[in-house]
Amino acid sequence: MDKSQLPVLNLPPSSFDIRPDADSRRDGLEVYDTLRQRWVALTPEEWVRQNFVRFLIGTRGVPESLTANEVALTLNNTSRRADTIIYTRSLRPLCVVEYKAPFIPVTQKVFDQIARYNSVFNAPYLIVSNGMRHYCCAYTGTGYTFLRDIPGYEEMNNKMR
């Protein structure tokens, strides 16, 4: 894959540090993940993650310092990784974000996956995006309610109080 093959997403445009894969045996690209502070393989899902994180920070006011990618969790004695977690200022999980590649439809199975992950994090918000379509829901105490839009950080944080 080269830069010209990266899909245009339904997100504001951002610029990234992208380079050929450092492993010459692989024919691909790497992108610098500022949250993990390292180069990572630029897969279609990673392209969505990088763009969506920039969207959250740039347009929804999410502090970069309270956002983490690839957060480890244990679910049913199995190690997993949540794609992105947004934290409150007191470092409680505020939102769990799950990404899929742009060509992967967002289905009930994706929501089931993120809800399982949230059984560990207990965050009041969940977001799912494939870069083209984005969904956000809030936990009501008895179930999830889908929101019309992705709230800003302060709005999400204020609901925690």
C-alpha atoms as a PDB file:
ATOM      1  CA  MET A   1       0.000   0.000   0.000  1.00  0.00           C
ATOM      2  CA  ASP A   2       1.240   3.500  -0.740  1.00  0.00           C
ATOM      3  CA  LYS A   3      -0.140   6.855   0.422  1.00  0.00           C
ATOM      4  CA  SER A   4      -2.313   7.235  -2.670  1.00  0.00           C
ATOM      5  CA  GLN A   5      -4.196   4.059  -1.707  1.00  0.00           C
ATOM      6  CA  LEU A   6      -5.289   5.390   1.688  1.00  0.00           C
ATOM      7  CA  PRO A   7      -9.056   5.853   1.651  1.00  0.00           C
ATOM      8  CA  VAL A   8     -10.648   9.245   2.152  1.00  0.00           C
ATOM      9  CA  LEU A   9     -12.601   8.999   5.394  1.00  0.00           C
ATOM     10  CA  ASN A  10     -15.672  10.799   6.668  1.00  0.00           C
ATOM     11  CA  LEU A  11     -13.491  12.778   9.078  1.00  0.00           C
ATOM     12  CA  PRO A  12     -11.693  16.128   8.914  1.00  0.00           C
ATOM     13  CA  PRO A  13      -8.391  15.819   7.010  1.00  0.00           C
ATOM     14  CA  SER A  14      -5.220  15.526   9.081  1.00  0.00           C
ATOM     15  CA  SER A  15      -1.546  15.172   8.289  1.00  0.00           C
ATOM     16  CA  PHE A  16       0.559  12.319   9.588  1.00  0.00           C
ATOM     17  CA  ASP A  17       4.152  11.190   9.654  1.00  0.00           C
ATOM     18  CA  ILE A  18       4.149   8.201   7.298  1.00  0.00           C
ATOM     19  CA  ARG A  19       7.146   6.217   6.070  1.00  0.00           C
ATOM     20  CA  PRO A  20       7.887   2.951   4.268  1.00  0.00           C
ATOM     21  CA  ASP A  21       7.788  -0.021   6.638  1.00  0.00           C
ATOM     22  CA  ALA A  22      11.113  -0.262   8.467  1.00  0.00           C
ATOM     23  CA  ASP A  23      11.118  -4.042   7.892  1.00  0.00           C
ATOM     24  CA  SER A  24      12.267  -4.299   4.283  1.00  0.00           C
ATOM     25  CA  ARG A  25      10.642  -7.751   4.016  1.00  0.00           C
ATOM     26  CA  ARG A  26       7.204  -6.129   4.295  1.00  0.00           C
ATOM     27  CA  ASP A  27       5.808  -3.963   1.545  1.00  0.00           C
ATOM     28  CA  GLY A  28       3.789  -1.398   3.424  1.00  0.00           C
ATOM     29  CA  LEU A  29       3.757   1.821   5.345  1.00  0.00           C
ATOM     30  CA  GLU A  30       4.082   2.847   8.952  1.00  0.00           C
ATOM     31  CA  VAL A  31       2.481   5.810  10.699  1.00  0.00           C
ATOM     32  CA  TYR A  32       3.808   7.516  13.799  1.00  0.00           C
ATOM     33  CA  ASP A  33       1.296   7.112  16.632  1.00  0.00           C
ATOM     34  CA  THR A  34       1.754  10.121  18.894  1.00  0.00           C
ATOM     35  CA  LEU A  35      -0.170   8.448  21.731  1.00  0.00           C
ATOM     36  CA  ARG A  36       1.957   5.292  21.749  1.00  0.00           C
ATOM     37  CA  GLN A  37       5.032   7.314  20.731  1.00  0.00           C
ATOM     38  CA  ARG A  38       6.143   4.750  18.184  1.00  0.00           C
ATOM     39  CA  TRP A  39       5.816   3.739  14.540  1.00  0.00           C
ATOM     40  CA  VAL A  40       3.055   1.231  13.810  1.00  0.00           C
ATOM     41  CA  ALA A  41       1.982  -0.641  10.674  1.00  0.00           C
ATOM     42  CA  LEU A  42      -0.453   1.442   8.662  1.00  0.00           C
ATOM     43  CA  THR A  43      -3.303  -1.030   8.201  1.00  0.00           C
ATOM     44  CA  PRO A  44      -6.762   0.133   7.100  1.00  0.00           C
ATOM     45  CA  GLU A  45      -7.974  -0.079  10.725  1.00  0.00           C
ATOM     46  CA  GLU A  46      -4.934   1.895  11.926  1.00  0.00           C
ATOM     47  CA  TRP A  47      -5.708   4.588   9.336  1.00  0.00           C
ATOM     48  CA  VAL A  48      -9.179   4.930  10.869  1.00  0.00           C
ATOM     49  CA  ARG A  49      -7.722   5.007  14.404  1.00  0.00           C
ATOM     50  CA  GLN A  50      -5.185   7.721  13.621  1.00  0.00           C
ATOM     51  CA  ASN A  51      -7.743   9.922  11.865  1.00  0.00           C
ATOM     52  CA  PHE A  52     -10.418   9.393  14.499  1.00  0.00           C
ATOM     53  CA  VAL A  53      -8.077  10.191  17.395  1.00  0.00           C
ATOM     54  CA  ARG A  54      -7.113  13.436  15.626  1.00  0.00           C
ATOM     55  CA  PHE A  55     -10.835  14.187  15.214  1.00  0.00           C
ATOM     56  CA  LEU A  56     -11.494  13.585  18.919  1.00  0.00           C
ATOM     57  CA  ILE A  57      -8.583  15.786  19.988  1.00  0.00           C
ATOM     58  CA  GLY A  58      -9.036  18.484  17.351  1.00  0.00           C
ATOM     59  CA  THR A  59     -12.804  18.881  17.205  1.00  0.00           C
ATOM     60  CA  ARG A  60     -14.204  17.298  20.359  1.00  0.00           C
ATOM     61  CA  GLY A  61     -11.683  18.739  22.820  1.00  0.00           C
ATOM     62  CA  VAL A  62     -10.434  15.393  24.088  1.00  0.00           C
ATOM     63  CA  PRO A  63      -7.090  15.950  25.854  1.00  0.00           C
ATOM     64  CA  GLU A  64      -4.322  13.981  24.179  1.00  0.00           C
ATOM     65  CA  SER A  65      -2.848  13.279  27.610  1.00  0.00           C
ATOM     66  CA  LEU A  66      -6.085  11.504  28.642  1.00  0.00           C
ATOM     67  CA  THR A  67      -6.301   9.310  25.544  1.00  0.00           C
ATOM     68  CA  ALA A  68      -4.613   5.932  25.079  1.00  0.00           C
ATOM     69  CA  ASN A  69      -4.437   3.507  22.135  1.00  0.00           C
ATOM     70  CA  GLU A  70      -4.325  -0.283  22.391  1.00  0.00           C
ATOM     71  CA  VAL A  71      -5.201  -0.562  26.084  1.00  0.00           C
ATOM     72  CA  ALA A  72      -4.764  -4.069  27.493  1.00  0.00           C
ATOM     73  CA  LEU A  73      -7.639  -5.799  29.243  1.00  0.00           C
ATOM     74  CA  THR A  74      -8.426  -9.299  30.434  1.00  0.00           C
ATOM     75  CA  LEU A  75     -11.808 -10.703  29.513  1.00  0.00           C
ATOM     76  CA  ASN A  76     -12.759 -14.274  30.444  1.00  0.00           C
ATOM     77  CA  ASN A  77      -9.106 -15.065  31.209  1.00  0.00           C
ATOM     78  CA  THR A  78      -8.110 -13.894  27.719  1.00  0.00           C
ATOM     79  CA  SER A  79      -5.862 -10.936  26.931  1.00  0.00           C
ATOM     80  CA  ARG A  80      -7.470  -8.380  24.631  1.00  0.00           C
ATOM     81  CA  ARG A  81      -6.821  -4.793  23.596  1.00  0.00           C
ATOM     82  CA  ALA A  82      -9.312  -1.961  23.454  1.00  0.00           C
ATOM     83  CA  ASP A  83      -8.585   0.274  20.482  1.00  0.00           C
ATOM     84  CA  THR A  84      -8.796   3.625  22.303  1.00  0.00           C
ATOM     85  CA  ILE A  85      -9.784   4.666  25.813  1.00  0.00           C
ATOM     86  CA  ILE A  86     -10.569   8.250  26.794  1.00  0.00           C
ATOM     87  CA  TYR A  87     -10.142   8.958  30.505  1.00  0.00           C
ATOM     88  CA  THR A  88     -11.588  11.495  32.922  1.00  0.00           C
ATOM     89  CA  ARG A  89      -9.214  13.877  34.659  1.00  0.00           C
ATOM     90  CA  SER A  90      -9.323  11.499  37.643  1.00  0.00           C
ATOM     91  CA  LEU A  91      -8.205   8.705  35.230  1.00  0.00           C
ATOM     92  CA  ARG A  92     -11.479   6.768  35.183  1.00  0.00           C
ATOM     93  CA  PRO A  93     -12.457   5.347  31.786  1.00  0.00           C
ATOM     94  CA  LEU A  94     -14.887   7.786  30.162  1.00  0.00           C
ATOM     95  CA  CYS A  95     -15.243   6.308  26.679  1.00  0.00           C
ATOM     96  CA  VAL A  96     -14.230   3.111  24.904  1.00  0.00           C
ATOM     97  CA  VAL A  97     -13.669   3.445  21.148  1.00  0.00           C
ATOM     98  CA  GLU A  98     -13.620   0.545  18.687  1.00  0.00           C
ATOM     99  CA  TYR A  99     -12.420   0.892  15.085  1.00  0.00           C
ATOM    100  CA  LYS A 100     -12.971  -1.190  12.011  1.00  0.00           C
ATOM    101  CA  ALA A 101     -11.452  -0.823   8.553  1.00  0.00           C
ATOM    102  CA  PRO A 102     -13.485   1.368   6.168  1.00  0.00           C
ATOM    103  CA  PHE A 103     -14.690  -1.663   4.200  1.00  0.00           C
ATOM    104  CA  ILE A 104     -15.923  -3.483   7.334  1.00  0.00           C
ATOM    105  CA  PRO A 105     -19.574  -2.702   8.107  1.00  0.00           C
ATOM    106  CA  VAL A 106     -20.473  -1.703  11.645  1.00  0.00           C
ATOM    107  CA  THR A 107     -22.794  -4.473  12.779  1.00  0.00           C
ATOM    108  CA  GLN A 108     -24.408  -5.692  15.985  1.00  0.00           C
ATOM    109  CA  LYS A 109     -21.414  -8.013  16.400  1.00  0.00           C
ATOM    110  CA  VAL A 110     -19.133  -4.940  16.688  1.00  0.00           C
ATOM    111  CA  PHE A 111     -21.386  -3.431  19.364  1.00  0.00           C
ATOM    112  CA  ASP A 112     -21.441  -6.752  21.219  1.00  0.00           C
ATOM    113  CA  GLN A 113     -17.624  -6.749  21.192  1.00  0.00           C
ATOM    114  CA  ILE A 114     -17.300  -3.227  22.573  1.00  0.00           C
ATOM    115  CA  ALA A 115     -20.007  -3.896  25.192  1.00  0.00           C
ATOM    116  CA  ARG A 116     -18.007  -6.937  26.368  1.00  0.00           C
ATOM    117  CA  TYR A 117     -14.879  -4.793  26.623  1.00  0.00           C
ATOM    118  CA  ASN A 118     -16.869  -2.211  28.537  1.00  0.00           C
ATOM    119  CA  SER A 119     -17.849  -4.834  31.110  1.00  0.00           C
ATOM    120  CA  VAL A 120     -14.216  -4.429  32.205  1.00  0.00           C
ATOM    121  CA  PHE A 121     -13.889  -0.631  31.851  1.00  0.00           C
ATOM    122  CA  ASN A 122     -17.396   0.497  32.930  1.00  0.00           C
ATOM    123  CA  ALA A 123     -17.162   3.642  30.810  1.00  0.00           C
ATOM    124  CA  PRO A 124     -20.372   5.659  30.344  1.00  0.00           C
ATOM    125  CA  TYR A 125     -19.753   6.163  26.583  1.00  0.00           C
ATOM    126  CA  LEU A 126     -18.981   3.858  23.673  1.00  0.00           C
ATOM    127  CA  ILE A 127     -17.982   4.874  20.151  1.00  0.00           C
ATOM    128  CA  VAL A 128     -17.648   2.674  17.077  1.00  0.00           C
ATOM    129  CA  SER A 129     -16.256   3.922  13.762  1.00  0.00           C
ATOM    130  CA  ASN A 130     -15.135   2.466  10.465  1.00  0.00           C
ATOM    131  CA  GLY A 131     -14.014   5.900   9.307  1.00  0.00           C
ATOM    132  CA  MET A 132     -17.105   6.323   7.173  1.00  0.00           C
ATOM    133  CA  ARG A 133     -19.844   5.898   9.776  1.00  0.00           C
ATOM    134  CA  HIS A 134     -19.542   6.755  13.457  1.00  0.00           C
ATOM    135  CA  TYR A 135     -21.824   5.711  16.290  1.00  0.00           C
ATOM    136  CA  CYS A 136     -21.851   6.851  19.889  1.00  0.00           C
ATOM    137  CA  CYS A 137     -23.976   5.558  22.712  1.00  0.00           C
ATOM    138  CA  ALA A 138     -24.301   6.409  26.371  1.00  0.00           C
ATOM    139  CA  TYR A 139     -24.884   3.897  29.129  1.00  0.00           C
ATOM    140  CA  THR A 140     -28.103   4.721  30.949  1.00  0.00           C
ATOM    141  CA  GLY A 141     -27.673   2.335  33.868  1.00  0.00           C
ATOM    142  CA  THR A 142     -29.970  -0.262  32.323  1.00  0.00           C
ATOM    143  CA  GLY A 143     -28.808  -0.200  28.703  1.00  0.00           C
ATOM    144  CA  TYR A 144     -27.343   1.921  25.945  1.00  0.00           C
ATOM    145  CA  THR A 145     -28.933   4.893  24.192  1.00  0.00           C
ATOM    146  CA  PHE A 146     -27.603   5.952  20.787  1.00  0.00           C
ATOM    147  CA  LEU A 147     -26.731   9.636  20.505  1.00  0.00           C
ATOM    148  CA  ARG A 148     -27.223  11.838  17.448  1.00  0.00           C
ATOM    149  CA  ASP A 149     -23.630  13.043  17.561  1.00  0.00           C
ATOM    150  CA  ILE A 150     -20.376  12.419  19.379  1.00  0.00           C
ATOM    151  CA  PRO A 151     -20.342  14.754  22.389  1.00  0.00           C
ATOM    152  CA  GLY A 152     -17.358  16.889  23.273  1.00  0.00           C
ATOM    153  CA  TYR A 153     -15.046  15.928  26.100  1.00  0.00           C
ATOM    154  CA  GLU A 154     -16.467  18.440  28.582  1.00  0.00           C
ATOM    155  CA  GLU A 155     -20.024  17.319  27.873  1.00  0.00           C
ATOM    156  CA  MET A 156     -19.083  13.659  28.416  1.00  0.00           C
ATOM    157  CA  ASN A 157     -17.083  14.521  31.516  1.00  0.00           C
ATOM    158  CA  ASN A 158     -19.913  16.626  33.012  1.00  0.00           C
ATOM    159  CA  LYS A 159     -22.287  13.650  32.778  1.00  0.00           C
ATOM    160  CA  MET A 160     -19.896  11.715  35.047  1.00  0.00           C
ATOM    161  CA  ARG A 161     -20.501  14.069  37.961  1.00  0.00           C
END
